């Protein structure tokens, strides 16, 4: 018998979500992966839209992030940031660094957690890394996202949940926060920068955030 079928021995949930089977899309014939030796630019040759993590079971999709044919307008991504001056500054940086396009997905789970994932693709890994450094400060993000003013580095993010080839900078909103708490992570993998935002009324749980970040990182690895 399965442990979960034995009365009194059911495994207590740790809060993780149930995702559909996640697998990387096939590469075009003859194209290397982003971390292959032959791929000096760190390019993702797979369709970026197929590299966005799918929503977990039971979640309601955020239609505002569907974009047009799966490509999101940059202004929708910029709307995540709180201050108008910050949005203007980031927009100029993305233009200067040659942002190619943005793919995104969002959802809300039954517990009220709202997740947004944005993948920004550039010409090379060097450029993506430069943009990431401009957004992700050491102790806090350079530009706060809406819903939170104060952040600290999420030092409790487990090392075992991190992916070797992928750079991660996670943050969590500090107390006192308002009606909801925000968790934020920047993931850099090759030519692509991912920004992952989760917010929830009361407290945003750590496990779903860690799970989402790790699965998205695996897709980009």
N, C-alpha and C. Protein backbone atom coordinates (compact mmCIF):
# COMPACT_ATOMS: atom_id res chain seq x y z
N UNK A 1 0.83 -1.20 0.00
CA UNK A 1 0.00 0.00 0.00
C UNK A 1 0.87 1.25 0.00
N UNK A 2 0.35 2.30 -0.61
CA UNK A 2 1.03 3.58 -0.53
C UNK A 2 0.87 4.16 0.88
N UNK A 3 1.88 4.83 1.32
CA UNK A 3 1.84 5.43 2.65
C UNK A 3 0.61 6.32 2.81
N UNK A 4 0.28 7.04 1.72
CA UNK A 4 -0.86 7.97 1.80
C UNK A 4 -2.19 7.26 1.90
N UNK A 5 -2.21 5.93 1.61
CA UNK A 5 -3.46 5.17 1.70
C UNK A 5 -3.66 4.55 3.07
N UNK A 6 -2.65 4.60 3.93
CA UNK A 6 -2.73 3.99 5.25
C UNK A 6 -3.27 5.02 6.24
N UNK A 7 -4.40 4.74 6.89
CA UNK A 7 -4.96 5.70 7.86
C UNK A 7 -3.92 6.08 8.91
N UNK A 8 -3.79 7.39 9.12
CA UNK A 8 -2.86 7.87 10.13
C UNK A 8 -1.44 8.07 9.64
N UNK A 9 -1.16 7.63 8.39
CA UNK A 9 0.19 7.75 7.88
C UNK A 9 0.25 8.66 6.65
N UNK A 10 -0.79 9.42 6.42
CA UNK A 10 -0.78 10.33 5.29
C UNK A 10 0.31 11.38 5.47
N UNK A 11 0.98 11.73 4.37
CA UNK A 11 2.05 12.72 4.43
C UNK A 11 1.46 14.12 4.45
N UNK A 12 1.86 14.89 5.44
CA UNK A 12 1.36 16.26 5.56
C UNK A 12 2.00 17.12 4.48
N UNK A 13 1.20 17.90 3.78
CA UNK A 13 1.72 18.74 2.71
C UNK A 13 2.63 19.82 3.28
N UNK A 14 3.73 20.10 2.57
CA UNK A 14 4.61 21.18 2.98
C UNK A 14 4.29 22.47 2.23
N UNK A 15 3.19 22.46 1.50
CA UNK A 15 2.75 23.67 0.81
C UNK A 15 3.13 23.74 -0.65
N UNK A 16 3.84 22.73 -1.16
CA UNK A 16 4.25 22.79 -2.56
C UNK A 16 3.07 22.55 -3.48
N UNK A 17 3.17 23.08 -4.68
CA UNK A 17 2.11 22.95 -5.67
C UNK A 17 2.35 21.73 -6.56
N UNK A 18 1.28 21.32 -7.25
CA UNK A 18 1.39 20.21 -8.19
C UNK A 18 1.44 20.79 -9.60
N UNK A 19 2.60 20.68 -10.22
CA UNK A 19 2.78 21.18 -11.58
C UNK A 19 2.59 20.05 -12.59
N UNK A 20 2.18 20.39 -13.79
CA UNK A 20 2.20 19.36 -14.84
C UNK A 20 3.64 18.96 -15.12
N UNK A 21 3.82 17.85 -15.80
CA UNK A 21 5.17 17.41 -16.13
C UNK A 21 5.90 18.51 -16.89
N UNK A 22 7.04 18.92 -16.37
CA UNK A 22 7.81 20.01 -16.97
C UNK A 22 8.98 19.42 -17.76
N UNK A 23 9.06 19.73 -19.02
CA UNK A 23 10.16 19.26 -19.85
C UNK A 23 10.60 20.37 -20.79
N UNK A 24 11.88 20.38 -21.12
CA UNK A 24 12.41 21.40 -22.00
C UNK A 24 11.92 21.17 -23.43
N UNK A 25 11.63 22.24 -24.17
CA UNK A 25 11.24 22.08 -25.57
C UNK A 25 12.44 21.61 -26.39
N UNK A 26 12.20 20.92 -27.49
CA UNK A 26 13.32 20.44 -28.31
C UNK A 26 14.06 21.61 -28.96
N UNK A 27 15.36 21.44 -29.09
CA UNK A 27 16.18 22.44 -29.78
C UNK A 27 16.09 22.25 -31.28
N UNK A 28 16.21 23.32 -32.05
CA UNK A 28 16.29 23.16 -33.50
C UNK A 28 17.47 22.24 -33.85
N UNK A 29 17.31 21.48 -34.89
CA UNK A 29 18.36 20.53 -35.30
C UNK A 29 19.71 21.21 -35.43
N UNK A 30 20.69 20.65 -34.74
CA UNK A 30 22.06 21.16 -34.83
C UNK A 30 22.37 22.32 -33.90
N UNK A 31 21.39 22.78 -33.14
CA UNK A 31 21.61 23.91 -32.24
C UNK A 31 22.07 23.43 -30.86
N UNK A 32 23.07 24.08 -30.26
CA UNK A 32 23.55 23.67 -28.94
C UNK A 32 22.68 24.25 -27.82
N UNK A 33 22.78 23.67 -26.65
CA UNK A 33 22.12 24.23 -25.48
C UNK A 33 22.81 25.49 -25.02
N UNK A 34 22.19 26.24 -24.12
CA UNK A 34 22.75 27.54 -23.72
C UNK A 34 24.10 27.47 -23.02
N UNK A 35 24.43 26.30 -22.44
CA UNK A 35 25.69 26.19 -21.72
C UNK A 35 26.68 25.24 -22.39
N UNK A 36 26.41 24.92 -23.64
CA UNK A 36 27.34 24.09 -24.40
C UNK A 36 28.61 24.87 -24.70
N UNK A 37 29.71 24.18 -24.77
CA UNK A 37 30.99 24.83 -25.05
C UNK A 37 30.97 25.59 -26.38
N UNK A 38 30.25 25.02 -27.35
CA UNK A 38 30.19 25.63 -28.68
C UNK A 38 29.29 26.87 -28.72
N UNK A 39 28.59 27.15 -27.62
CA UNK A 39 27.64 28.26 -27.59
C UNK A 39 28.22 29.40 -26.76
N UNK A 40 29.13 30.15 -27.35
CA UNK A 40 29.84 31.21 -26.62
C UNK A 40 28.92 32.33 -26.16
N UNK A 41 27.83 32.56 -26.88
CA UNK A 41 26.91 33.65 -26.52
C UNK A 41 25.91 33.24 -25.44
N UNK A 42 25.87 31.95 -25.11
CA UNK A 42 24.90 31.49 -24.12
C UNK A 42 23.47 31.61 -24.61
N UNK A 43 23.27 31.47 -25.92
CA UNK A 43 21.96 31.68 -26.52
C UNK A 43 21.01 30.51 -26.26
N UNK A 44 19.76 30.85 -25.99
CA UNK A 44 18.69 29.86 -25.95
C UNK A 44 18.09 29.78 -27.36
N UNK A 45 18.31 28.67 -28.05
CA UNK A 45 17.79 28.53 -29.40
C UNK A 45 16.36 28.00 -29.41
N UNK A 46 15.90 27.43 -28.30
CA UNK A 46 14.50 27.01 -28.19
C UNK A 46 13.62 28.25 -28.11
N UNK A 47 12.38 28.11 -28.51
CA UNK A 47 11.42 29.21 -28.45
C UNK A 47 11.26 29.66 -27.00
N UNK A 48 11.53 30.93 -26.74
CA UNK A 48 11.47 31.46 -25.38
C UNK A 48 10.10 31.25 -24.75
N UNK A 49 9.06 31.31 -25.56
CA UNK A 49 7.70 31.15 -25.04
C UNK A 49 7.47 29.77 -24.47
N UNK A 50 8.22 28.79 -24.99
CA UNK A 50 8.09 27.41 -24.50
C UNK A 50 8.96 27.17 -23.27
N UNK A 51 9.74 28.17 -22.87
CA UNK A 51 10.61 28.03 -21.71
C UNK A 51 10.02 28.66 -20.45
N UNK A 52 8.82 29.22 -20.56
CA UNK A 52 8.16 29.79 -19.38
C UNK A 52 7.47 28.66 -18.62
N UNK A 53 7.66 28.62 -17.33
CA UNK A 53 7.07 27.57 -16.50
C UNK A 53 5.54 27.58 -16.62
N UNK A 54 4.93 26.41 -16.83
CA UNK A 54 3.46 26.35 -16.87
C UNK A 54 2.87 26.53 -15.47
N UNK A 55 1.61 26.89 -15.42
CA UNK A 55 0.93 27.09 -14.14
C UNK A 55 0.66 25.76 -13.46
N UNK A 56 0.64 25.74 -12.13
CA UNK A 56 0.33 24.50 -11.41
C UNK A 56 -1.16 24.15 -11.55
N UNK A 57 -1.47 22.92 -11.20
CA UNK A 57 -2.86 22.45 -11.28
C UNK A 57 -3.74 23.25 -10.32
N UNK A 58 -4.93 23.61 -10.80
CA UNK A 58 -5.88 24.35 -9.98
C UNK A 58 -5.71 25.85 -10.00
N UNK A 59 -4.69 26.35 -10.70
CA UNK A 59 -4.46 27.80 -10.75
C UNK A 59 -5.29 28.45 -11.84
N UNK A 60 -5.59 29.71 -11.64
CA UNK A 60 -6.31 30.51 -12.62
C UNK A 60 -5.31 31.40 -13.36
N UNK A 61 -5.30 31.29 -14.67
CA UNK A 61 -4.31 32.02 -15.47
C UNK A 61 -4.53 33.52 -15.40
N UNK A 62 -3.44 34.27 -15.44
CA UNK A 62 -3.47 35.74 -15.49
C UNK A 62 -3.43 36.14 -16.96
N UNK A 63 -4.59 36.42 -17.51
CA UNK A 63 -4.70 36.72 -18.94
C UNK A 63 -3.95 37.97 -19.35
N UNK A 64 -3.69 38.86 -18.39
CA UNK A 64 -2.99 40.10 -18.70
C UNK A 64 -1.56 39.84 -19.16
N UNK A 65 -1.04 38.63 -18.88
CA UNK A 65 0.33 38.33 -19.26
C UNK A 65 0.42 37.43 -20.49
N UNK A 66 -0.70 37.21 -21.15
CA UNK A 66 -0.70 36.36 -22.35
C UNK A 66 0.05 37.01 -23.51
N UNK A 67 -0.04 38.33 -23.59
CA UNK A 67 0.60 39.05 -24.68
C UNK A 67 -0.05 38.77 -26.02
N UNK A 68 0.67 39.06 -27.08
CA UNK A 68 0.21 38.81 -28.46
C UNK A 68 1.05 37.70 -29.05
N UNK A 69 0.40 36.59 -29.38
CA UNK A 69 1.11 35.40 -29.86
C UNK A 69 2.18 34.94 -28.86
N UNK A 70 1.92 35.21 -27.58
CA UNK A 70 2.84 34.78 -26.54
C UNK A 70 3.95 35.76 -26.22
N UNK A 71 4.03 36.86 -26.98
CA UNK A 71 5.05 37.89 -26.71
C UNK A 71 4.41 39.03 -25.94
N UNK A 72 5.04 39.43 -24.86
CA UNK A 72 4.49 40.46 -23.99
C UNK A 72 5.07 41.82 -24.32
N UNK A 73 4.23 42.84 -24.33
CA UNK A 73 4.71 44.21 -24.53
C UNK A 73 5.59 44.60 -23.34
N UNK A 74 6.69 45.27 -23.62
CA UNK A 74 7.64 45.65 -22.56
C UNK A 74 6.97 46.50 -21.50
N UNK A 75 6.00 47.32 -21.89
CA UNK A 75 5.34 48.20 -20.92
C UNK A 75 4.58 47.41 -19.86
N UNK A 76 4.13 46.20 -20.19
CA UNK A 76 3.43 45.38 -19.20
C UNK A 76 4.43 44.89 -18.15
N UNK A 77 5.60 44.49 -18.60
CA UNK A 77 6.66 44.12 -17.66
C UNK A 77 7.04 45.31 -16.78
N UNK A 78 7.21 46.46 -17.38
CA UNK A 78 7.62 47.66 -16.63
C UNK A 78 6.59 48.05 -15.57
N UNK A 79 5.33 47.70 -15.80
CA UNK A 79 4.27 48.06 -14.85
C UNK A 79 4.46 47.36 -13.50
N UNK A 80 5.33 46.34 -13.44
CA UNK A 80 5.60 45.68 -12.16
C UNK A 80 6.33 46.60 -11.18
N UNK A 81 7.02 47.60 -11.68
CA UNK A 81 7.84 48.45 -10.83
C UNK A 81 7.03 49.64 -10.30
N UNK A 82 7.29 50.00 -9.06
CA UNK A 82 6.44 50.94 -8.34
C UNK A 82 6.48 52.36 -8.87
N UNK A 83 7.69 52.88 -9.05
CA UNK A 83 7.86 54.31 -9.34
C UNK A 83 7.93 54.59 -10.83
N UNK A 84 7.27 55.68 -11.25
CA UNK A 84 7.28 56.07 -12.66
C UNK A 84 8.70 56.36 -13.14
N UNK A 85 9.50 57.02 -12.31
CA UNK A 85 10.88 57.32 -12.69
C UNK A 85 11.69 56.05 -12.89
N UNK A 86 11.43 55.06 -12.03
CA UNK A 86 12.13 53.78 -12.18
C UNK A 86 11.75 53.10 -13.49
N UNK A 87 10.47 53.13 -13.81
CA UNK A 87 10.01 52.50 -15.04
C UNK A 87 10.66 53.15 -16.26
N UNK A 88 10.77 54.47 -16.23
CA UNK A 88 11.41 55.19 -17.33
C UNK A 88 12.89 54.81 -17.45
N UNK A 89 13.55 54.73 -16.31
CA UNK A 89 14.99 54.41 -16.30
C UNK A 89 15.23 52.98 -16.78
N UNK A 90 14.41 52.05 -16.31
CA UNK A 90 14.57 50.65 -16.73
C UNK A 90 14.28 50.51 -18.21
N UNK A 91 13.24 51.18 -18.70
CA UNK A 91 12.90 51.12 -20.12
C UNK A 91 14.07 51.56 -20.99
N UNK A 92 14.75 52.62 -20.57
CA UNK A 92 15.89 53.11 -21.34
C UNK A 92 17.04 52.10 -21.31
N UNK A 93 17.26 51.49 -20.15
CA UNK A 93 18.32 50.49 -20.04
C UNK A 93 18.04 49.29 -20.92
N UNK A 94 16.79 48.86 -20.96
CA UNK A 94 16.44 47.71 -21.79
C UNK A 94 16.61 48.03 -23.27
N UNK A 95 16.29 49.26 -23.63
CA UNK A 95 16.50 49.69 -25.02
C UNK A 95 17.98 49.73 -25.35
N UNK A 96 18.76 50.32 -24.46
CA UNK A 96 20.20 50.43 -24.68
C UNK A 96 20.87 49.06 -24.77
N UNK A 97 20.35 48.10 -24.02
CA UNK A 97 20.97 46.76 -23.98
C UNK A 97 20.37 45.82 -25.03
N UNK A 98 19.48 46.34 -25.85
CA UNK A 98 18.98 45.56 -26.97
C UNK A 98 18.06 44.42 -26.59
N UNK A 99 17.11 44.68 -25.70
CA UNK A 99 16.12 43.65 -25.36
C UNK A 99 15.44 43.14 -26.63
N UNK A 100 15.46 41.82 -26.81
CA UNK A 100 14.89 41.23 -28.02
C UNK A 100 13.38 41.05 -27.86
N UNK A 101 12.96 40.39 -26.80
CA UNK A 101 11.54 40.22 -26.54
C UNK A 101 11.31 39.70 -25.13
N UNK A 102 10.04 39.70 -24.73
CA UNK A 102 9.64 39.26 -23.39
C UNK A 102 8.56 38.20 -23.53
N UNK A 103 8.72 37.10 -22.82
CA UNK A 103 7.67 36.09 -22.70
C UNK A 103 7.28 36.03 -21.23
N UNK A 104 6.03 35.73 -20.95
CA UNK A 104 5.57 35.79 -19.56
C UNK A 104 4.43 34.81 -19.31
N UNK A 105 4.19 34.58 -18.03
CA UNK A 105 3.02 33.80 -17.61
C UNK A 105 2.70 34.19 -16.18
N UNK A 106 1.43 34.20 -15.85
CA UNK A 106 1.02 34.49 -14.49
C UNK A 106 -0.17 33.64 -14.09
N UNK A 107 -0.37 33.47 -12.79
CA UNK A 107 -1.50 32.69 -12.30
C UNK A 107 -1.77 33.01 -10.84
N UNK A 108 -2.96 32.63 -10.40
CA UNK A 108 -3.33 32.75 -8.99
C UNK A 108 -3.81 31.39 -8.51
N UNK A 109 -3.22 30.89 -7.44
CA UNK A 109 -3.59 29.59 -6.90
C UNK A 109 -4.76 29.75 -5.91
N UNK A 110 -5.44 28.65 -5.55
CA UNK A 110 -6.59 28.75 -4.65
C UNK A 110 -6.30 29.41 -3.31
N UNK A 111 -5.04 29.38 -2.85
CA UNK A 111 -4.71 30.03 -1.57
C UNK A 111 -4.51 31.53 -1.71
N UNK A 112 -4.66 32.04 -2.94
CA UNK A 112 -4.56 33.49 -3.17
C UNK A 112 -3.19 33.98 -3.57
N UNK A 113 -2.22 33.09 -3.74
CA UNK A 113 -0.88 33.50 -4.16
C UNK A 113 -0.89 33.87 -5.64
N UNK A 114 -0.43 35.08 -5.95
CA UNK A 114 -0.39 35.56 -7.32
C UNK A 114 1.06 35.51 -7.80
N UNK A 115 1.29 34.74 -8.86
CA UNK A 115 2.63 34.55 -9.41
C UNK A 115 2.75 35.21 -10.77
N UNK A 116 3.87 35.89 -11.01
CA UNK A 116 4.16 36.45 -12.33
C UNK A 116 5.60 36.08 -12.68
N UNK A 117 5.78 35.54 -13.89
CA UNK A 117 7.10 35.18 -14.39
C UNK A 117 7.34 35.91 -15.70
N UNK A 118 8.47 36.60 -15.80
CA UNK A 118 8.84 37.31 -17.02
C UNK A 118 10.22 36.82 -17.48
N UNK A 119 10.31 36.43 -18.74
CA UNK A 119 11.60 36.05 -19.33
C UNK A 119 12.00 37.12 -20.33
N UNK A 120 13.16 37.73 -20.12
CA UNK A 120 13.69 38.77 -20.99
C UNK A 120 14.92 38.22 -21.71
N UNK A 121 14.89 38.24 -23.03
CA UNK A 121 15.99 37.67 -23.80
C UNK A 121 16.80 38.76 -24.48
N UNK A 122 18.14 38.59 -24.40
CA UNK A 122 19.07 39.55 -24.99
C UNK A 122 19.96 38.82 -26.00
N UNK A 123 20.89 39.55 -26.60
CA UNK A 123 21.72 38.94 -27.65
C UNK A 123 22.75 37.96 -27.10
N UNK A 124 23.27 38.24 -25.92
CA UNK A 124 24.31 37.38 -25.35
C UNK A 124 24.13 37.25 -23.84
N UNK A 125 24.83 36.25 -23.28
CA UNK A 125 24.81 36.05 -21.84
C UNK A 125 25.46 37.23 -21.12
N UNK A 126 26.46 37.83 -21.73
CA UNK A 126 27.14 38.97 -21.12
C UNK A 126 26.18 40.13 -20.92
N UNK A 127 25.34 40.38 -21.91
CA UNK A 127 24.37 41.47 -21.81
C UNK A 127 23.32 41.15 -20.74
N UNK A 128 22.80 39.92 -20.75
CA UNK A 128 21.79 39.53 -19.76
C UNK A 128 22.35 39.68 -18.34
N UNK A 129 23.61 39.30 -18.15
CA UNK A 129 24.24 39.41 -16.84
C UNK A 129 24.37 40.87 -16.42
N UNK A 130 24.69 41.73 -17.38
CA UNK A 130 24.82 43.16 -17.09
C UNK A 130 23.48 43.75 -16.66
N UNK A 131 22.41 43.38 -17.36
CA UNK A 131 21.08 43.87 -17.00
C UNK A 131 20.69 43.36 -15.62
N UNK A 132 20.96 42.09 -15.36
CA UNK A 132 20.64 41.50 -14.06
C UNK A 132 21.33 42.25 -12.92
N UNK A 133 22.60 42.58 -13.11
CA UNK A 133 23.33 43.31 -12.07
C UNK A 133 22.73 44.69 -11.83
N UNK A 134 22.13 45.27 -12.87
CA UNK A 134 21.50 46.58 -12.72
C UNK A 134 20.16 46.54 -11.99
N UNK A 135 19.52 45.35 -11.99
CA UNK A 135 18.22 45.21 -11.33
C UNK A 135 18.32 44.60 -9.95
N UNK A 136 19.29 43.69 -9.78
CA UNK A 136 19.39 42.93 -8.54
C UNK A 136 20.55 43.42 -7.70
N UNK A 137 20.26 44.24 -6.70
CA UNK A 137 21.29 44.69 -5.79
C UNK A 137 21.68 43.58 -4.82
N UNK A 138 22.74 43.80 -4.06
CA UNK A 138 23.23 42.76 -3.15
C UNK A 138 22.23 42.47 -2.04
N UNK A 139 21.75 43.50 -1.36
CA UNK A 139 20.86 43.31 -0.21
C UNK A 139 19.40 43.54 -0.54
N UNK A 140 19.12 44.20 -1.64
CA UNK A 140 17.75 44.51 -2.02
C UNK A 140 17.71 44.81 -3.51
N UNK A 141 16.55 44.65 -4.16
CA UNK A 141 16.47 45.01 -5.58
C UNK A 141 16.71 46.50 -5.77
N UNK A 142 17.33 46.85 -6.89
CA UNK A 142 17.60 48.26 -7.17
C UNK A 142 16.32 49.05 -7.32
N UNK A 143 15.31 48.42 -7.93
CA UNK A 143 14.02 49.07 -8.17
C UNK A 143 12.92 48.24 -7.53
N UNK A 144 12.21 48.76 -6.51
CA UNK A 144 11.15 47.99 -5.87
C UNK A 144 10.02 47.67 -6.85
N UNK A 145 9.47 46.47 -6.73
CA UNK A 145 8.27 46.14 -7.51
C UNK A 145 7.06 46.55 -6.69
N UNK A 146 5.96 46.71 -7.38
CA UNK A 146 4.74 47.22 -6.73
C UNK A 146 4.29 46.26 -5.62
N UNK A 147 3.79 46.87 -4.56
CA UNK A 147 3.28 46.08 -3.44
C UNK A 147 4.25 45.97 -2.29
N UNK A 148 5.49 46.43 -2.48
CA UNK A 148 6.48 46.33 -1.41
C UNK A 148 7.51 47.45 -1.54
N UNK A 149 7.91 47.99 -0.41
CA UNK A 149 8.92 49.04 -0.39
C UNK A 149 10.25 48.56 0.17
N UNK A 150 10.18 47.72 1.20
CA UNK A 150 11.40 47.25 1.85
C UNK A 150 11.66 45.78 1.60
N UNK A 151 12.91 45.44 1.26
CA UNK A 151 13.28 44.06 0.97
C UNK A 151 14.56 43.70 1.71
N UNK A 152 14.79 42.41 1.81
CA UNK A 152 16.07 41.89 2.25
C UNK A 152 16.37 40.64 1.43
N UNK A 153 17.64 40.29 1.35
CA UNK A 153 18.02 39.09 0.63
C UNK A 153 17.40 37.87 1.32
N UNK A 154 16.86 36.96 0.53
CA UNK A 154 16.23 35.76 1.08
C UNK A 154 17.32 34.72 1.36
N UNK A 155 17.97 34.85 2.50
CA UNK A 155 19.09 33.99 2.85
C UNK A 155 18.64 32.58 3.23
N UNK A 156 17.34 32.39 3.39
CA UNK A 156 16.83 31.06 3.73
C UNK A 156 16.55 30.20 2.50
N UNK A 157 16.76 30.76 1.31
CA UNK A 157 16.55 29.97 0.09
C UNK A 157 17.59 28.85 0.10
N UNK A 158 17.14 27.58 0.09
CA UNK A 158 18.09 26.46 0.27
C UNK A 158 19.05 26.28 -0.90
N UNK A 159 20.29 26.01 -0.58
CA UNK A 159 21.30 25.79 -1.62
C UNK A 159 20.92 24.59 -2.51
N UNK A 160 20.27 23.59 -1.91
CA UNK A 160 19.91 22.39 -2.67
C UNK A 160 18.89 22.68 -3.76
N UNK A 161 18.18 23.81 -3.65
CA UNK A 161 17.17 24.17 -4.64
C UNK A 161 17.72 25.05 -5.75
N UNK A 162 19.02 25.36 -5.68
CA UNK A 162 19.65 26.20 -6.69
C UNK A 162 20.24 25.34 -7.81
N UNK A 163 20.27 25.88 -9.02
CA UNK A 163 20.75 25.16 -10.20
C UNK A 163 22.16 25.64 -10.53
N UNK A 164 23.04 24.72 -10.81
CA UNK A 164 24.47 25.02 -10.95
C UNK A 164 24.77 26.12 -11.96
N UNK A 165 24.23 26.04 -13.16
CA UNK A 165 24.58 26.98 -14.22
C UNK A 165 23.82 28.30 -14.15
N UNK A 166 22.90 28.40 -13.21
CA UNK A 166 21.98 29.52 -13.17
C UNK A 166 22.29 30.44 -11.99
N UNK A 167 22.33 31.74 -12.24
CA UNK A 167 22.56 32.73 -11.19
C UNK A 167 21.22 33.14 -10.59
N UNK A 168 21.14 33.17 -9.26
CA UNK A 168 19.89 33.49 -8.58
C UNK A 168 20.12 34.54 -7.51
N UNK A 169 19.23 35.55 -7.47
CA UNK A 169 19.21 36.52 -6.38
C UNK A 169 17.78 36.62 -5.88
N UNK A 170 17.45 35.96 -4.74
CA UNK A 170 16.09 36.02 -4.21
C UNK A 170 15.94 37.07 -3.10
N UNK A 171 14.76 37.65 -3.01
CA UNK A 171 14.46 38.64 -1.98
C UNK A 171 13.10 38.33 -1.35
N UNK A 172 12.92 38.86 -0.16
CA UNK A 172 11.62 38.78 0.51
C UNK A 172 11.32 40.14 1.13
N UNK A 173 10.06 40.54 1.05
CA UNK A 173 9.66 41.82 1.63
C UNK A 173 9.81 41.78 3.15
N UNK A 174 10.33 42.85 3.71
CA UNK A 174 10.56 42.91 5.15
C UNK A 174 9.33 43.46 5.88
N UNK A 175 9.23 43.09 7.14
CA UNK A 175 8.17 43.64 7.99
C UNK A 175 8.51 45.08 8.34
N UNK A 176 7.53 45.93 8.59
CA UNK A 176 6.11 45.63 8.47
C UNK A 176 5.63 45.79 7.03
N UNK A 177 4.93 44.80 6.51
CA UNK A 177 4.37 44.93 5.18
C UNK A 177 2.87 45.15 5.28
N UNK A 178 2.25 45.54 4.18
CA UNK A 178 0.85 45.92 4.20
C UNK A 178 -0.08 44.72 4.14
N UNK A 179 -1.08 44.82 3.26
CA UNK A 179 -2.08 43.76 3.18
C UNK A 179 -1.51 42.46 2.65
N UNK A 180 -0.44 42.55 1.87
CA UNK A 180 0.17 41.34 1.32
C UNK A 180 1.69 41.42 1.41
N UNK A 181 2.32 40.26 1.30
CA UNK A 181 3.78 40.19 1.29
C UNK A 181 4.24 39.78 -0.11
N UNK A 182 5.41 40.28 -0.51
CA UNK A 182 5.96 40.02 -1.84
C UNK A 182 7.27 39.25 -1.71
N UNK A 183 7.45 38.28 -2.59
CA UNK A 183 8.74 37.60 -2.78
C UNK A 183 9.17 37.85 -4.22
N UNK A 184 10.45 38.05 -4.41
CA UNK A 184 10.97 38.45 -5.72
C UNK A 184 12.28 37.72 -5.99
N UNK A 185 12.45 37.24 -7.21
CA UNK A 185 13.70 36.59 -7.56
C UNK A 185 14.15 36.94 -8.97
N UNK A 186 15.45 37.14 -9.14
CA UNK A 186 16.04 37.33 -10.47
C UNK A 186 16.89 36.11 -10.80
N UNK A 187 16.61 35.49 -11.93
CA UNK A 187 17.32 34.30 -12.38
C UNK A 187 17.99 34.64 -13.71
N UNK A 188 19.29 34.42 -13.80
CA UNK A 188 20.02 34.69 -15.04
C UNK A 188 20.59 33.39 -15.57
N UNK A 189 20.25 33.06 -16.81
CA UNK A 189 20.72 31.82 -17.43
C UNK A 189 21.04 32.11 -18.89
N UNK A 190 22.32 32.13 -19.23
CA UNK A 190 22.69 32.44 -20.61
C UNK A 190 22.20 33.81 -21.01
N UNK A 191 21.56 33.88 -22.19
CA UNK A 191 21.10 35.17 -22.72
C UNK A 191 19.78 35.64 -22.16
N UNK A 192 19.27 34.95 -21.14
CA UNK A 192 17.92 35.23 -20.64
C UNK A 192 17.92 35.58 -19.16
N UNK A 193 17.17 36.61 -18.83
CA UNK A 193 16.95 37.03 -17.45
C UNK A 193 15.49 36.79 -17.10
N UNK A 194 15.25 36.08 -16.01
CA UNK A 194 13.89 35.86 -15.54
C UNK A 194 13.65 36.68 -14.28
N UNK A 195 12.49 37.32 -14.21
CA UNK A 195 12.06 37.96 -12.97
C UNK A 195 10.80 37.25 -12.51
N UNK A 196 10.83 36.75 -11.28
CA UNK A 196 9.72 35.98 -10.71
C UNK A 196 9.20 36.72 -9.50
N UNK A 197 7.90 37.01 -9.50
CA UNK A 197 7.27 37.75 -8.42
C UNK A 197 6.11 36.93 -7.86
N UNK A 198 6.06 36.79 -6.56
CA UNK A 198 4.91 36.17 -5.90
C UNK A 198 4.42 37.09 -4.79
N UNK A 199 3.11 37.23 -4.71
CA UNK A 199 2.52 38.05 -3.65
C UNK A 199 1.29 37.34 -3.10
N UNK A 200 1.07 37.53 -1.82
CA UNK A 200 -0.08 36.88 -1.18
C UNK A 200 -0.54 37.72 0.00
N UNK A 201 -1.84 37.78 0.19
CA UNK A 201 -2.40 38.48 1.34
C UNK A 201 -1.93 37.81 2.62
N UNK A 202 -1.47 38.62 3.55
CA UNK A 202 -0.93 38.07 4.78
C UNK A 202 0.55 37.79 4.61
N UNK A 203 0.90 36.53 4.32
CA UNK A 203 2.30 36.14 4.18
C UNK A 203 2.48 35.26 2.95
N UNK A 204 3.46 35.60 2.14
CA UNK A 204 3.79 34.79 0.96
C UNK A 204 4.68 33.64 1.41
N UNK A 205 4.23 32.42 1.21
CA UNK A 205 4.94 31.25 1.72
C UNK A 205 6.24 31.00 0.95
N UNK A 206 7.23 30.47 1.66
CA UNK A 206 8.55 30.25 1.07
C UNK A 206 8.57 29.07 0.11
N UNK A 207 7.89 27.97 0.45
CA UNK A 207 8.01 26.74 -0.35
C UNK A 207 7.51 26.92 -1.78
N UNK A 208 6.32 27.48 -2.02
CA UNK A 208 5.89 27.66 -3.41
C UNK A 208 6.83 28.57 -4.20
N UNK A 209 7.40 29.57 -3.54
CA UNK A 209 8.33 30.46 -4.22
C UNK A 209 9.59 29.70 -4.62
N UNK A 210 10.14 28.95 -3.68
CA UNK A 210 11.34 28.16 -3.97
C UNK A 210 11.07 27.16 -5.09
N UNK A 211 9.92 26.52 -5.03
CA UNK A 211 9.55 25.53 -6.05
C UNK A 211 9.45 26.19 -7.42
N UNK A 212 8.80 27.32 -7.49
CA UNK A 212 8.62 28.03 -8.76
C UNK A 212 9.96 28.47 -9.34
N UNK A 213 10.80 29.05 -8.49
CA UNK A 213 12.11 29.53 -8.94
C UNK A 213 12.96 28.37 -9.45
N UNK A 214 12.96 27.27 -8.72
CA UNK A 214 13.80 26.13 -9.10
C UNK A 214 13.33 25.50 -10.41
N UNK A 215 12.03 25.31 -10.56
CA UNK A 215 11.52 24.71 -11.80
C UNK A 215 11.77 25.61 -13.00
N UNK A 216 11.59 26.92 -12.80
CA UNK A 216 11.88 27.84 -13.91
C UNK A 216 13.37 27.83 -14.23
N UNK A 217 14.20 27.74 -13.24
CA UNK A 217 15.64 27.68 -13.46
C UNK A 217 16.02 26.43 -14.24
N UNK A 218 15.39 25.31 -13.92
CA UNK A 218 15.68 24.07 -14.63
C UNK A 218 15.32 24.17 -16.11
N UNK A 219 14.23 24.85 -16.40
CA UNK A 219 13.85 25.01 -17.80
C UNK A 219 14.87 25.85 -18.57
N UNK A 220 15.48 26.80 -17.90
CA UNK A 220 16.44 27.69 -18.57
C UNK A 220 17.86 27.12 -18.58
N UNK A 221 18.09 26.07 -17.81
CA UNK A 221 19.43 25.50 -17.70
C UNK A 221 19.84 24.76 -18.99
